[in-house]
Amino acid sequence: MTSYTTAQVRNLVLSHLGVLPTGETPAAADAETAEAAIESVHARLDGLGLLNWPCCAVPSSVLFAVSYLAANELLDIYGNSDTQVARIKDGAMRGLTEIRQQTAVANSGTTPALYY
């Protein structure tokens, strides 16, 4: 499975926010802000027990989920249109659901009930 570096995720986050045109390099302040949001998302997912990857190697299966969650954290910093805000919030909600589904323990079958 392919994984993405923090820098690659950062650029995707800034792209979601409309701050970084495709193929451009972010300003240092924007890069630092986006990386802090990614680390915050990583710590929060770890606290919820939903994390099974390092911050510097985000799997492709959760790339968009993590990027939308981080972009959602930065909505107050960057002025976005109502359409962008709705798209990012929707992406963050779907992303969290996706991460929960991917990290859920599969049903192992039936378990007998014990009655006392």
PDB file of N, CA and C in Angstrom:
ATOM      1  N   MET A   1       0.843  -1.172   0.000  1.00  0.00           N
ATOM      2  CA  MET A   1       0.000   0.000   0.000  1.00  0.00           C
ATOM      3  C   MET A   1       0.891   1.239   0.000  1.00  0.00           C
ATOM      4  N   THR A   2       0.531   2.190  -0.793  1.00  0.00           N
ATOM      5  CA  THR A   2       1.265   3.438  -0.883  1.00  0.00           C
ATOM      6  C   THR A   2       1.013   4.283   0.358  1.00  0.00           C
ATOM      7  N   SER A   3       2.047   4.997   0.794  1.00  0.00           N
ATOM      8  CA  SER A   3       1.861   5.929   1.906  1.00  0.00           C
ATOM      9  C   SER A   3       2.352   7.306   1.467  1.00  0.00           C
ATOM     10  N   TYR A   4       1.849   8.314   2.156  1.00  0.00           N
ATOM     11  CA  TYR A   4       2.150   9.700   1.807  1.00  0.00           C
ATOM     12  C   TYR A   4       2.840  10.397   2.966  1.00  0.00           C
ATOM     13  N   THR A   5       3.817  11.224   2.630  1.00  0.00           N
ATOM     14  CA  THR A   5       4.573  11.958   3.649  1.00  0.00           C
ATOM     15  C   THR A   5       3.727  13.112   4.194  1.00  0.00           C
ATOM     16  N   THR A   6       4.178  13.655   5.293  1.00  0.00           N
ATOM     17  CA  THR A   6       3.504  14.805   5.879  1.00  0.00           C
ATOM     18  C   THR A   6       3.463  15.961   4.881  1.00  0.00           C
ATOM     19  N   ALA A   7       4.531  16.158   4.129  1.00  0.00           N
ATOM     20  CA  ALA A   7       4.576  17.246   3.146  1.00  0.00           C
ATOM     21  C   ALA A   7       3.527  17.041   2.053  1.00  0.00           C
ATOM     22  N   GLN A   8       3.356  15.810   1.605  1.00  0.00           N
ATOM     23  CA  GLN A   8       2.351  15.540   0.581  1.00  0.00           C
ATOM     24  C   GLN A   8       0.937  15.765   1.124  1.00  0.00           C
ATOM     25  N   VAL A   9       0.688  15.329   2.347  1.00  0.00           N
ATOM     26  CA  VAL A   9      -0.620  15.537   2.973  1.00  0.00           C
ATOM     27  C   VAL A   9      -0.847  17.028   3.185  1.00  0.00           C
ATOM     28  N   ARG A  10       0.178  17.714   3.650  1.00  0.00           N
ATOM     29  CA  ARG A  10       0.107  19.167   3.865  1.00  0.00           C
ATOM     30  C   ARG A  10      -0.313  19.885   2.587  1.00  0.00           C
ATOM     31  N   ASN A  11       0.300  19.539   1.479  1.00  0.00           N
ATOM     32  CA  ASN A  11      -0.040  20.192   0.214  1.00  0.00           C
ATOM     33  C   ASN A  11      -1.482  19.907  -0.186  1.00  0.00           C
ATOM     34  N   LEU A  12      -1.961  18.709   0.094  1.00  0.00           N
ATOM     35  CA  LEU A  12      -3.351  18.373  -0.210  1.00  0.00           C
ATOM     36  C   LEU A  12      -4.302  19.176   0.679  1.00  0.00           C
ATOM     37  N   VAL A  13      -3.956  19.321   1.949  1.00  0.00           N
ATOM     38  CA  VAL A  13      -4.765  20.114   2.882  1.00  0.00           C
ATOM     39  C   VAL A  13      -4.866  21.551   2.376  1.00  0.00           C
ATOM     40  N   LEU A  14      -3.737  22.138   2.020  1.00  0.00           N
ATOM     41  CA  LEU A  14      -3.730  23.519   1.538  1.00  0.00           C
ATOM     42  C   LEU A  14      -4.470  23.655   0.215  1.00  0.00           C
ATOM     43  N   SER A  15      -4.435  22.617  -0.586  1.00  0.00           N
ATOM     44  CA  SER A  15      -5.195  22.614  -1.838  1.00  0.00           C
ATOM     45  C   SER A  15      -6.691  22.598  -1.562  1.00  0.00           C
ATOM     46  N   HIS A  16      -7.132  21.777  -0.598  1.00  0.00           N
ATOM     47  CA  HIS A  16      -8.553  21.746  -0.212  1.00  0.00           C
ATOM     48  C   HIS A  16      -9.020  23.135   0.214  1.00  0.00           C
ATOM     49  N   LEU A  17      -8.143  23.851   0.896  1.00  0.00           N
ATOM     50  CA  LEU A  17      -8.482  25.175   1.421  1.00  0.00           C
ATOM     51  C   LEU A  17      -8.380  26.279   0.360  1.00  0.00           C
ATOM     52  N   GLY A  18      -7.889  25.928  -0.821  1.00  0.00           N
ATOM     53  CA  GLY A  18      -7.749  26.914  -1.881  1.00  0.00           C
ATOM     54  C   GLY A  18      -6.552  27.824  -1.703  1.00  0.00           C
ATOM     55  N   VAL A  19      -5.615  27.419  -0.861  1.00  0.00           N
ATOM     56  CA  VAL A  19      -4.441  28.238  -0.559  1.00  0.00           C
ATOM     57  C   VAL A  19      -3.286  27.910  -1.496  1.00  0.00           C
ATOM     58  N   LEU A  20      -3.226  26.679  -1.960  1.00  0.00           N
ATOM     59  CA  LEU A  20      -2.075  26.215  -2.734  1.00  0.00           C
ATOM     60  C   LEU A  20      -2.513  25.692  -4.095  1.00  0.00           C
ATOM     61  N   PRO A  21      -2.147  26.394  -5.152  1.00  0.00           N
ATOM     62  CA  PRO A  21      -2.436  25.867  -6.488  1.00  0.00           C
ATOM     63  C   PRO A  21      -1.621  24.596  -6.740  1.00  0.00           C
ATOM     64  N   THR A  22      -2.149  23.702  -7.545  1.00  0.00           N
ATOM     65  CA  THR A  22      -1.487  22.435  -7.847  1.00  0.00           C
ATOM     66  C   THR A  22      -0.080  22.677  -8.393  1.00  0.00           C
ATOM     67  N   GLY A  23       0.881  21.961  -7.837  1.00  0.00           N
ATOM     68  CA  GLY A  23       2.260  22.030  -8.295  1.00  0.00           C
ATOM     69  C   GLY A  23       3.080  23.153  -7.684  1.00  0.00           C
ATOM     70  N   GLU A  24       2.476  23.998  -6.875  1.00  0.00           N
ATOM     71  CA  GLU A  24       3.194  25.103  -6.248  1.00  0.00           C
ATOM     72  C   GLU A  24       3.761  24.678  -4.897  1.00  0.00           C
ATOM     73  N   THR A  25       4.681  25.474  -4.389  1.00  0.00           N
ATOM     74  CA  THR A  25       5.265  25.248  -3.065  1.00  0.00           C
ATOM     75  C   THR A  25       4.592  26.193  -2.081  1.00  0.00           C
ATOM     76  N   PRO A  26       4.170  25.679  -0.919  1.00  0.00           N
ATOM     77  CA  PRO A  26       3.488  26.561   0.041  1.00  0.00           C
ATOM     78  C   PRO A  26       4.443  27.536   0.719  1.00  0.00           C
ATOM     79  N   ALA A  27       3.888  28.658   1.150  1.00  0.00           N
ATOM     80  CA  ALA A  27       4.660  29.603   1.964  1.00  0.00           C
ATOM     81  C   ALA A  27       4.996  28.917   3.280  1.00  0.00           C
ATOM     82  N   ALA A  28       6.084  29.322   3.881  1.00  0.00           N
ATOM     83  CA  ALA A  28       6.554  28.677   5.114  1.00  0.00           C
ATOM     84  C   ALA A  28       5.491  28.712   6.219  1.00  0.00           C
ATOM     85  N   ALA A  29       4.828  29.837   6.369  1.00  0.00           N
ATOM     86  CA  ALA A  29       3.812  29.961   7.424  1.00  0.00           C
ATOM     87  C   ALA A  29       2.631  29.031   7.161  1.00  0.00           C
ATOM     88  N   ASP A  30       2.194  28.938   5.904  1.00  0.00           N
ATOM     89  CA  ASP A  30       1.095  28.042   5.557  1.00  0.00           C
ATOM     90  C   ASP A  30       1.494  26.581   5.764  1.00  0.00           C
ATOM     91  N   ALA A  31       2.722  26.252   5.381  1.00  0.00           N
ATOM     92  CA  ALA A  31       3.215  24.880   5.552  1.00  0.00           C
ATOM     93  C   ALA A  31       3.231  24.503   7.025  1.00  0.00           C
ATOM     94  N   GLU A  32       3.725  25.401   7.863  1.00  0.00           N
ATOM     95  CA  GLU A  32       3.811  25.136   9.303  1.00  0.00           C
ATOM     96  C   GLU A  32       2.415  24.973   9.915  1.00  0.00           C
ATOM     97  N   THR A  33       1.487  25.813   9.506  1.00  0.00           N
ATOM     98  CA  THR A  33       0.121  25.748  10.025  1.00  0.00           C
ATOM     99  C   THR A  33      -0.551  24.441   9.626  1.00  0.00           C
ATOM    100  N   ALA A  34      -0.399  24.048   8.366  1.00  0.00           N
ATOM    101  CA  ALA A  34      -1.029  22.812   7.895  1.00  0.00           C
ATOM    102  C   ALA A  34      -0.401  21.588   8.564  1.00  0.00           C
ATOM    103  N   GLU A  35       0.902  21.593   8.738  1.00  0.00           N
ATOM    104  CA  GLU A  35       1.564  20.463   9.393  1.00  0.00           C
ATOM    105  C   GLU A  35       1.134  20.351  10.851  1.00  0.00           C
ATOM    106  N   ALA A  36       0.935  21.461  11.506  1.00  0.00           N
ATOM    107  CA  ALA A  36       0.446  21.431  12.891  1.00  0.00           C
ATOM    108  C   ALA A  36      -0.966  20.833  12.937  1.00  0.00           C
ATOM    109  N   ALA A  37      -1.799  21.161  11.968  1.00  0.00           N
ATOM    110  CA  ALA A  37      -3.154  20.592  11.911  1.00  0.00           C
ATOM    111  C   ALA A  37      -3.105  19.088  11.662  1.00  0.00           C
ATOM    112  N   ILE A  38      -2.201  18.648  10.820  1.00  0.00           N
ATOM    113  CA  ILE A  38      -2.051  17.210  10.550  1.00  0.00           C
ATOM    114  C   ILE A  38      -1.616  16.488  11.821  1.00  0.00           C
ATOM    115  N   GLU A  39      -0.659  17.060  12.533  1.00  0.00           N
ATOM    116  CA  GLU A  39      -0.205  16.461  13.793  1.00  0.00           C
ATOM    117  C   GLU A  39      -1.327  16.436  14.826  1.00  0.00           C
ATOM    118  N   SER A  40      -2.145  17.470  14.851  1.00  0.00           N
ATOM    119  CA  SER A  40      -3.281  17.518  15.765  1.00  0.00           C
ATOM    120  C   SER A  40      -4.288  16.422  15.442  1.00  0.00           C
ATOM    121  N   VAL A  41      -4.589  16.247  14.164  1.00  0.00           N
ATOM    122  CA  VAL A  41      -5.506  15.178  13.735  1.00  0.00           C
ATOM    123  C   VAL A  41      -4.924  13.823  14.113  1.00  0.00           C
ATOM    124  N   HIS A  42      -3.642  13.655  13.877  1.00  0.00           N
ATOM    125  CA  HIS A  42      -2.972  12.395  14.199  1.00  0.00           C
ATOM    126  C   HIS A  42      -3.089  12.092  15.692  1.00  0.00           C
ATOM    127  N   ALA A  43      -2.831  13.093  16.532  1.00  0.00           N
ATOM    128  CA  ALA A  43      -2.904  12.906  17.987  1.00  0.00           C
ATOM    129  C   ALA A  43      -4.337  12.591  18.417  1.00  0.00           C
ATOM    130  N   ARG A  44      -5.318  13.272  17.807  1.00  0.00           N
ATOM    131  CA  ARG A  44      -6.716  13.033  18.178  1.00  0.00           C
ATOM    132  C   ARG A  44      -7.158  11.625  17.776  1.00  0.00           C
ATOM    133  N   LEU A  45      -6.780  11.195  16.580  1.00  0.00           N
ATOM    134  CA  LEU A  45      -7.128   9.840  16.145  1.00  0.00           C
ATOM    135  C   LEU A  45      -6.442   8.804  17.030  1.00  0.00           C
ATOM    136  N   ASP A  46      -5.212   9.079  17.421  1.00  0.00           N
ATOM    137  CA  ASP A  46      -4.493   8.177  18.324  1.00  0.00           C
ATOM    138  C   ASP A  46      -5.215   8.093  19.661  1.00  0.00           C
ATOM    139  N   GLY A  47      -5.674   9.219  20.178  1.00  0.00           N
ATOM    140  CA  GLY A  47      -6.405   9.252  21.439  1.00  0.00           C
ATOM    141  C   GLY A  47      -7.718   8.488  21.379  1.00  0.00           C
ATOM    142  N   LEU A  48      -8.315   8.428  20.197  1.00  0.00           N
ATOM    143  CA  LEU A  48      -9.572   7.685  20.018  1.00  0.00           C
ATOM    144  C   LEU A  48      -9.330   6.201  19.725  1.00  0.00           C
ATOM    145  N   GLY A  49      -8.065   5.818  19.623  1.00  0.00           N
ATOM    146  CA  GLY A  49      -7.737   4.426  19.306  1.00  0.00           C
ATOM    147  C   GLY A  49      -7.998   4.084  17.849  1.00  0.00           C
ATOM    148  N   LEU A  50      -7.975   5.083  16.980  1.00  0.00           N
ATOM    149  CA  LEU A  50      -8.282   4.872  15.564  1.00  0.00           C
ATOM    150  C   LEU A  50      -7.053   5.000  14.673  1.00  0.00           C
ATOM    151  N   LEU A  51      -5.902   4.827  15.255  1.00  0.00           N
ATOM    152  CA  LEU A  51      -4.685   5.100  14.508  1.00  0.00           C
ATOM    153  C   LEU A  51      -3.840   3.846  14.396  1.00  0.00           C
ATOM    154  N   ASN A  52      -3.403   3.566  13.191  1.00  0.00           N
ATOM    155  CA  ASN A  52      -2.479   2.443  13.004  1.00  0.00           C
ATOM    156  C   ASN A  52      -1.416   2.795  11.962  1.00  0.00           C
ATOM    157  N   TRP A  53      -1.037   4.080  11.910  1.00  0.00           N
ATOM    158  CA  TRP A  53       0.016   4.510  10.997  1.00  0.00           C
ATOM    159  C   TRP A  53       0.741   5.699  11.624  1.00  0.00           C
ATOM    160  N   PRO A  54       2.025   5.883  11.250  1.00  0.00           N
ATOM    161  CA  PRO A  54       2.765   7.038  11.759  1.00  0.00           C
ATOM    162  C   PRO A  54       2.364   8.308  11.004  1.00  0.00           C
ATOM    163  N   CYS A  55       2.561   9.435  11.620  1.00  0.00           N
ATOM    164  CA  CYS A  55       2.182  10.723  11.030  1.00  0.00           C
ATOM    165  C   CYS A  55       2.911  10.977   9.712  1.00  0.00           C
ATOM    166  N   CYS A  56       4.122  10.441   9.586  1.00  0.00           N
ATOM    167  CA  CYS A  56       4.936  10.692   8.395  1.00  0.00           C
ATOM    168  C   CYS A  56       4.685   9.681   7.277  1.00  0.00           C
ATOM    169  N   ALA A  57       3.731   8.767   7.463  1.00  0.00           N
ATOM    170  CA  ALA A  57       3.442   7.753   6.447  1.00  0.00           C
ATOM    171  C   ALA A  57       1.946   7.441   6.437  1.00  0.00           C
ATOM    172  N   VAL A  58       1.164   8.385   5.929  1.00  0.00           N
ATOM    173  CA  VAL A  58      -0.291   8.227   5.899  1.00  0.00           C
ATOM    174  C   VAL A  58      -0.647   7.282   4.750  1.00  0.00           C
ATOM    175  N   PRO A  59      -1.344   6.175   5.047  1.00  0.00           N
ATOM    176  CA  PRO A  59      -1.700   5.226   3.988  1.00  0.00           C
ATOM    177  C   PRO A  59      -2.666   5.849   2.978  1.00  0.00           C
ATOM    178  N   SER A  60      -2.564   5.389   1.740  1.00  0.00           N
ATOM    179  CA  SER A  60      -3.427   5.921   0.688  1.00  0.00           C
ATOM    180  C   SER A  60      -4.901   5.701   1.008  1.00  0.00           C
ATOM    181  N   SER A  61      -5.212   4.656   1.769  1.00  0.00           N
ATOM    182  CA  SER A  61      -6.609   4.352   2.086  1.00  0.00           C
ATOM    183  C   SER A  61      -7.265   5.404   2.973  1.00  0.00           C
ATOM    184  N   VAL A  62      -6.477   6.210   3.669  1.00  0.00           N
ATOM    185  CA  VAL A  62      -7.038   7.256   4.538  1.00  0.00           C
ATOM    186  C   VAL A  62      -6.514   8.647   4.182  1.00  0.00           C
ATOM    187  N   LEU A  63      -5.842   8.773   3.059  1.00  0.00           N
ATOM    188  CA  LEU A  63      -5.240  10.050   2.670  1.00  0.00           C
ATOM    189  C   LEU A  63      -6.261  11.178   2.633  1.00  0.00           C
ATOM    190  N   PHE A  64      -7.350  10.984   1.922  1.00  0.00           N
ATOM    191  CA  PHE A  64      -8.333  12.054   1.804  1.00  0.00           C
ATOM    192  C   PHE A  64      -9.052  12.295   3.124  1.00  0.00           C
ATOM    193  N   ALA A  65      -9.275  11.251   3.882  1.00  0.00           N
ATOM    194  CA  ALA A  65      -9.921  11.411   5.190  1.00  0.00           C
ATOM    195  C   ALA A  65      -9.067  12.292   6.092  1.00  0.00           C
ATOM    196  N   VAL A  66      -7.788  11.986   6.195  1.00  0.00           N
ATOM    197  CA  VAL A  66      -6.882  12.764   7.045  1.00  0.00           C
ATOM    198  C   VAL A  66      -6.754  14.198   6.529  1.00  0.00           C
ATOM    199  N   SER A  67      -6.664  14.360   5.219  1.00  0.00           N
ATOM    200  CA  SER A  67      -6.495  15.706   4.667  1.00  0.00           C
ATOM    201  C   SER A  67      -7.731  16.571   4.904  1.00  0.00           C
ATOM    202  N   TYR A  68      -8.923  15.988   4.779  1.00  0.00           N
ATOM    203  CA  TYR A  68     -10.136  16.768   5.048  1.00  0.00           C
ATOM    204  C   TYR A  68     -10.292  17.074   6.539  1.00  0.00           C
ATOM    205  N   LEU A  69      -9.909  16.141   7.407  1.00  0.00           N
ATOM    206  CA  LEU A  69      -9.956  16.413   8.846  1.00  0.00           C
ATOM    207  C   LEU A  69      -9.023  17.562   9.213  1.00  0.00           C
ATOM    208  N   ALA A  70      -7.831  17.570   8.635  1.00  0.00           N
ATOM    209  CA  ALA A  70      -6.878  18.651   8.906  1.00  0.00           C
ATOM    210  C   ALA A  70      -7.368  19.977   8.309  1.00  0.00           C
ATOM    211  N   ALA A  71      -7.912  19.929   7.110  1.00  0.00           N
ATOM    212  CA  ALA A  71      -8.441  21.152   6.484  1.00  0.00           C
ATOM    213  C   ALA A  71      -9.582  21.723   7.318  1.00  0.00           C
ATOM    214  N   ASN A  72     -10.398  20.844   7.884  1.00  0.00           N
ATOM    215  CA  ASN A  72     -11.510  21.274   8.720  1.00  0.00           C
ATOM    216  C   ASN A  72     -11.012  22.057   9.939  1.00  0.00           C
ATOM    217  N   GLU A  73      -9.861  21.663  10.469  1.00  0.00           N
ATOM    218  CA  GLU A  73      -9.294  22.366  11.622  1.00  0.00           C
ATOM    219  C   GLU A  73      -8.812  23.773  11.279  1.00  0.00           C
ATOM    220  N   LEU A  74      -8.590  24.022  10.001  1.00  0.00           N
ATOM    221  CA  LEU A  74      -8.019  25.303   9.582  1.00  0.00           C
ATOM    222  C   LEU A  74      -9.046  26.252   8.966  1.00  0.00           C
ATOM    223  N   LEU A  75     -10.304  25.881   8.975  1.00  0.00           N
ATOM    224  CA  LEU A  75     -11.327  26.719   8.342  1.00  0.00           C
ATOM    225  C   LEU A  75     -11.407  28.111   8.947  1.00  0.00           C
ATOM    226  N   ASP A  76     -11.165  28.238  10.247  1.00  0.00           N
ATOM    227  CA  ASP A  76     -11.238  29.548  10.898  1.00  0.00           C
ATOM    228  C   ASP A  76     -10.052  30.437  10.530  1.00  0.00           C
ATOM    229  N   ILE A  77      -8.960  29.835  10.114  1.00  0.00           N
ATOM    230  CA  ILE A  77      -7.756  30.596   9.795  1.00  0.00           C
ATOM    231  C   ILE A  77      -7.811  31.153   8.373  1.00  0.00           C
ATOM    232  N   TYR A  78      -8.288  30.317   7.445  1.00  0.00           N
ATOM    233  CA  TYR A  78      -8.336  30.713   6.044  1.00  0.00           C
ATOM    234  C   TYR A  78      -9.776  31.041   5.664  1.00  0.00           C
ATOM    235  N   GLY A  79      -9.974  32.197   5.068  1.00  0.00           N
ATOM    236  CA  GLY A  79     -11.313  32.590   4.639  1.00  0.00           C
ATOM    237  C   GLY A  79     -11.751  31.750   3.458  1.00  0.00           C
ATOM    238  N   ASN A  80     -12.813  31.005   3.631  1.00  0.00           N
ATOM    239  CA  ASN A  80     -13.309  30.151   2.569  1.00  0.00           C
ATOM    240  C   ASN A  80     -14.756  30.493   2.254  1.00  0.00           C
ATOM    241  N   SER A  81     -15.146  30.186   1.040  1.00  0.00           N
ATOM    242  CA  SER A  81     -16.538  30.400   0.654  1.00  0.00           C
ATOM    243  C   SER A  81     -17.420  29.390   1.363  1.00  0.00           C
ATOM    244  N   ASP A  82     -18.701  29.674   1.401  1.00  0.00           N
ATOM    245  CA  ASP A  82     -19.646  28.756   2.035  1.00  0.00           C
ATOM    246  C   ASP A  82     -19.599  27.387   1.368  1.00  0.00           C
ATOM    247  N   THR A  83     -19.415  27.369   0.064  1.00  0.00           N
ATOM    248  CA  THR A  83     -19.345  26.105  -0.675  1.00  0.00           C
ATOM    249  C   THR A  83     -18.126  25.299  -0.251  1.00  0.00           C
ATOM    250  N   GLN A  84     -16.971  25.966  -0.135  1.00  0.00           N
ATOM    251  CA  GLN A  84     -15.755  25.279   0.307  1.00  0.00           C
ATOM    252  C   GLN A  84     -15.901  24.761   1.726  1.00  0.00           C
ATOM    253  N   VAL A  85     -16.463  25.572   2.606  1.00  0.00           N
ATOM    254  CA  VAL A  85     -16.649  25.173   4.003  1.00  0.00           C
ATOM    255  C   VAL A  85     -17.534  23.928   4.063  1.00  0.00           C
ATOM    256  N   ALA A  86     -18.639  23.932   3.324  1.00  0.00           N
ATOM    257  CA  ALA A  86     -19.544  22.778   3.323  1.00  0.00           C
ATOM    258  C   ALA A  86     -18.847  21.542   2.780  1.00  0.00           C
ATOM    259  N   ARG A  87     -18.058  21.707   1.716  1.00  0.00           N
ATOM    260  CA  ARG A  87     -17.351  20.566   1.114  1.00  0.00           C
ATOM    261  C   ARG A  87     -16.325  19.998   2.089  1.00  0.00           C
ATOM    262  N   ILE A  88     -15.586  20.865   2.760  1.00  0.00           N
ATOM    263  CA  ILE A  88     -14.559  20.412   3.702  1.00  0.00           C
ATOM    264  C   ILE A  88     -15.197  19.750   4.920  1.00  0.00           C
ATOM    265  N   LYS A  89     -16.253  20.347   5.457  1.00  0.00           N
ATOM    266  CA  LYS A  89     -16.934  19.746   6.611  1.00  0.00           C
ATOM    267  C   LYS A  89     -17.515  18.384   6.247  1.00  0.00           C
ATOM    268  N   ASP A  90     -18.116  18.268   5.068  1.00  0.00           N
ATOM    269  CA  ASP A  90     -18.654  16.993   4.621  1.00  0.00           C
ATOM    270  C   ASP A  90     -17.532  15.966   4.450  1.00  0.00           C
ATOM    271  N   GLY A  91     -16.423  16.388   3.851  1.00  0.00           N
ATOM    272  CA  GLY A  91     -15.282  15.496   3.681  1.00  0.00           C
ATOM    273  C   GLY A  91     -14.716  15.028   5.006  1.00  0.00           C
ATOM    274  N   ALA A  92     -14.687  15.927   5.999  1.00  0.00           N
ATOM    275  CA  ALA A  92     -14.175  15.562   7.327  1.00  0.00           C
ATOM    276  C   ALA A  92     -15.094  14.553   8.007  1.00  0.00           C
ATOM    277  N   MET A  93     -16.413  14.762   7.902  1.00  0.00           N
ATOM    278  CA  MET A  93     -17.357  13.809   8.519  1.00  0.00           C
ATOM    279  C   MET A  93     -17.262  12.440   7.837  1.00  0.00           C
ATOM    280  N   ARG A  94     -17.234  12.435   6.519  1.00  0.00           N
ATOM    281  CA  ARG A  94     -17.107  11.165   5.799  1.00  0.00           C
ATOM    282  C   ARG A  94     -15.768  10.514   6.087  1.00  0.00           C
ATOM    283  N   GLY A  95     -14.721  11.343   6.217  1.00  0.00           N
ATOM    284  CA  GLY A  95     -13.390  10.823   6.494  1.00  0.00           C
ATOM    285  C   GLY A  95     -13.300  10.137   7.838  1.00  0.00           C
ATOM    286  N   LEU A  96     -13.897  10.741   8.860  1.00  0.00           N
ATOM    287  CA  LEU A  96     -13.867  10.127  10.189  1.00  0.00           C
ATOM    288  C   LEU A  96     -14.634   8.809  10.182  1.00  0.00           C
ATOM    289  N   THR A  97     -15.762   8.773   9.500  1.00  0.00           N
ATOM    290  CA  THR A  97     -16.527   7.530   9.373  1.00  0.00           C
ATOM    291  C   THR A  97     -15.700   6.462   8.665  1.00  0.00           C
ATOM    292  N   GLU A  98     -15.024   6.859   7.609  1.00  0.00           N
ATOM    293  CA  GLU A  98     -14.183   5.936   6.848  1.00  0.00           C
ATOM    294  C   GLU A  98     -13.058   5.370   7.713  1.00  0.00           C
ATOM    295  N   ILE A  99     -12.409   6.227   8.474  1.00  0.00           N
ATOM    296  CA  ILE A  99     -11.322   5.769   9.353  1.00  0.00           C
ATOM    297  C   ILE A  99     -11.865   4.823  10.414  1.00  0.00           C
ATOM    298  N   ARG A 100     -13.018   5.158  10.988  1.00  0.00           N
ATOM    299  CA  ARG A 100     -13.632   4.263  11.992  1.00  0.00           C
ATOM    300  C   ARG A 100     -13.923   2.890  11.385  1.00  0.00           C
ATOM    301  N   GLN A 101     -14.433   2.873  10.166  1.00  0.00           N
ATOM    302  CA  GLN A 101     -14.754   1.602   9.516  1.00  0.00           C
ATOM    303  C   GLN A 101     -13.493   0.797   9.227  1.00  0.00           C
ATOM    304  N   GLN A 102     -12.442   1.461   8.804  1.00  0.00           N
ATOM    305  CA  GLN A 102     -11.212   0.754   8.449  1.00  0.00           C
ATOM    306  C   GLN A 102     -10.462   0.222   9.658  1.00  0.00           C
ATOM    307  N   THR A 103     -10.657   0.844  10.803  1.00  0.00           N
ATOM    308  CA  THR A 103      -9.933   0.399  11.989  1.00  0.00           C
ATOM    309  C   THR A 103     -10.802  -0.440  12.929  1.00  0.00           C
ATOM    310  N   ALA A 104     -12.066  -0.647  12.563  1.00  0.00           N
ATOM    311  CA  ALA A 104     -12.960  -1.454  13.407  1.00  0.00           C
ATOM    312  C   ALA A 104     -12.530  -2.911  13.370  1.00  0.00           C
ATOM    313  N   VAL A 105     -12.702  -3.564  14.476  1.00  0.00           N
ATOM    314  CA  VAL A 105     -12.413  -4.988  14.554  1.00  0.00           C
ATOM    315  C   VAL A 105     -13.559  -5.725  13.878  1.00  0.00           C
ATOM    316  N   ALA A 106     -13.200  -6.621  12.990  1.00  0.00           N
ATOM    317  CA  ALA A 106     -14.220  -7.374  12.270  1.00  0.00           C
ATOM    318  C   ALA A 106     -14.988  -8.290  13.222  1.00  0.00           C
ATOM    319  N   ASN A 107     -16.216  -8.557  12.878  1.00  0.00           N
ATOM    320  CA  ASN A 107     -17.061  -9.461  13.667  1.00  0.00           C
ATOM    321  C   ASN A 107     -16.439 -10.850  13.628  1.00  0.00           C
ATOM    322  N   SER A 108     -16.198 -11.416  14.764  1.00  0.00           N
ATOM    323  CA  SER A 108     -15.537 -12.722  14.834  1.00  0.00           C
ATOM    324  C   SER A 108     -16.528 -13.866  14.971  1.00  0.00           C
ATOM    325  N   GLY A 109     -17.792 -13.601  14.769  1.00  0.00           N
ATOM    326  CA  GLY A 109     -18.778 -14.671  14.863  1.00  0.00           C
ATOM    327  C   GLY A 109     -19.613 -14.538  16.120  1.00  0.00           C
ATOM    328  N   THR A 110     -20.188 -15.633  16.523  1.00  0.00           N
ATOM    329  CA  THR A 110     -21.059 -15.596  17.696  1.00  0.00           C
ATOM    330  C   THR A 110     -20.271 -15.922  18.956  1.00  0.00           C
ATOM    331  N   THR A 111     -20.695 -15.350  20.022  1.00  0.00           N
ATOM    332  CA  THR A 111     -20.101 -15.599  21.323  1.00  0.00           C
ATOM    333  C   THR A 111     -21.203 -16.050  22.252  1.00  0.00           C
ATOM    334  N   PRO A 112     -21.006 -17.176  22.908  1.00  0.00           N
ATOM    335  CA  PRO A 112     -22.083 -17.635  23.811  1.00  0.00           C
ATOM    336  C   PRO A 112     -22.227 -16.701  24.996  1.00  0.00           C
ATOM    337  N   ALA A 113     -23.447 -16.468  25.379  1.00  0.00           N
ATOM    338  CA  ALA A 113     -23.735 -15.614  26.531  1.00  0.00           C
ATOM    339  C   ALA A 113     -23.619 -16.435  27.805  1.00  0.00           C
ATOM    340  N   LEU A 114     -23.063 -15.825  28.820  1.00  0.00           N
ATOM    341  CA  LEU A 114     -22.968 -16.488  30.117  1.00  0.00           C
ATOM    342  C   LEU A 114     -23.967 -15.831  31.060  1.00  0.00           C
ATOM    343  N   TYR A 115     -24.804 -16.628  31.659  1.00  0.00           N
ATOM    344  CA  TYR A 115     -25.792 -16.121  32.596  1.00  0.00           C
ATOM    345  C   TYR A 115     -25.453 -16.607  33.989  1.00  0.00           C
ATOM    346  N   TYR A 116     -25.516 -15.729  34.940  1.00  0.00           N
ATOM    347  CA  TYR A 116     -25.210 -16.102  36.324  1.00  0.00           C
ATOM    348  C   TYR A 116     -26.425 -16.007  37.182  1.00  0.00           C
TER     349      TYR A 116
END
